[in-house]
Amino acid sequence: MKVLVIIRYLLSALFIYAGAYKISSLGTFEAQMSQSPLIPMVWIPFLSVSLPIFEIILGIILIFLEKMQMAALYTSFSLMLFFSIYLIMLYTFFSKPPCSCGGILSTMPYPVHIAFNIFFMFLAIWGIYLNHTGTKARLSV
């Protein structure tokens, strides 16, 4: 189960870092989001605050609330899948796609960032698998 703990900590670090960075530069994050051709302007004030808070809460749940770890892993996978699809759409359909990811992630070229996201999606899937097989093993003993 040590691998599962490492996976949870890696996902947690990603979400807490991303959320904290977005909150620390909220004005910039909101301005960058407003440049996205895929996000309706009416959603931006809500998303620019709720998304980083959600990321931080998810990161905290991954570390501290073991009873919610399966839901947190599924949520991590879903969020990374959504972010990946969003980046793929921006990169595929727009000539100068904006990046509102912040921090070190905003310095990555889009293909690298997409691969980075997919890597974390697979970590979440692996965590779900390990959690599921660990649960089965505990039930059969």
Foldseek 3Di string as FASTA:
>chain_A
DVLLLVLLQVQLVLLLVQLVQLVVPLVLLLVLVVPAPVDDNVCSVVCSNVRSVVSNVLSCCSNPVPVCNLVSLVVSLVVLVVVLVSLCCQVPPDDDGGDSRGDPLNVDDSVVSSVVSVVSNVSSVVSNVVVVVVVVVVVVD
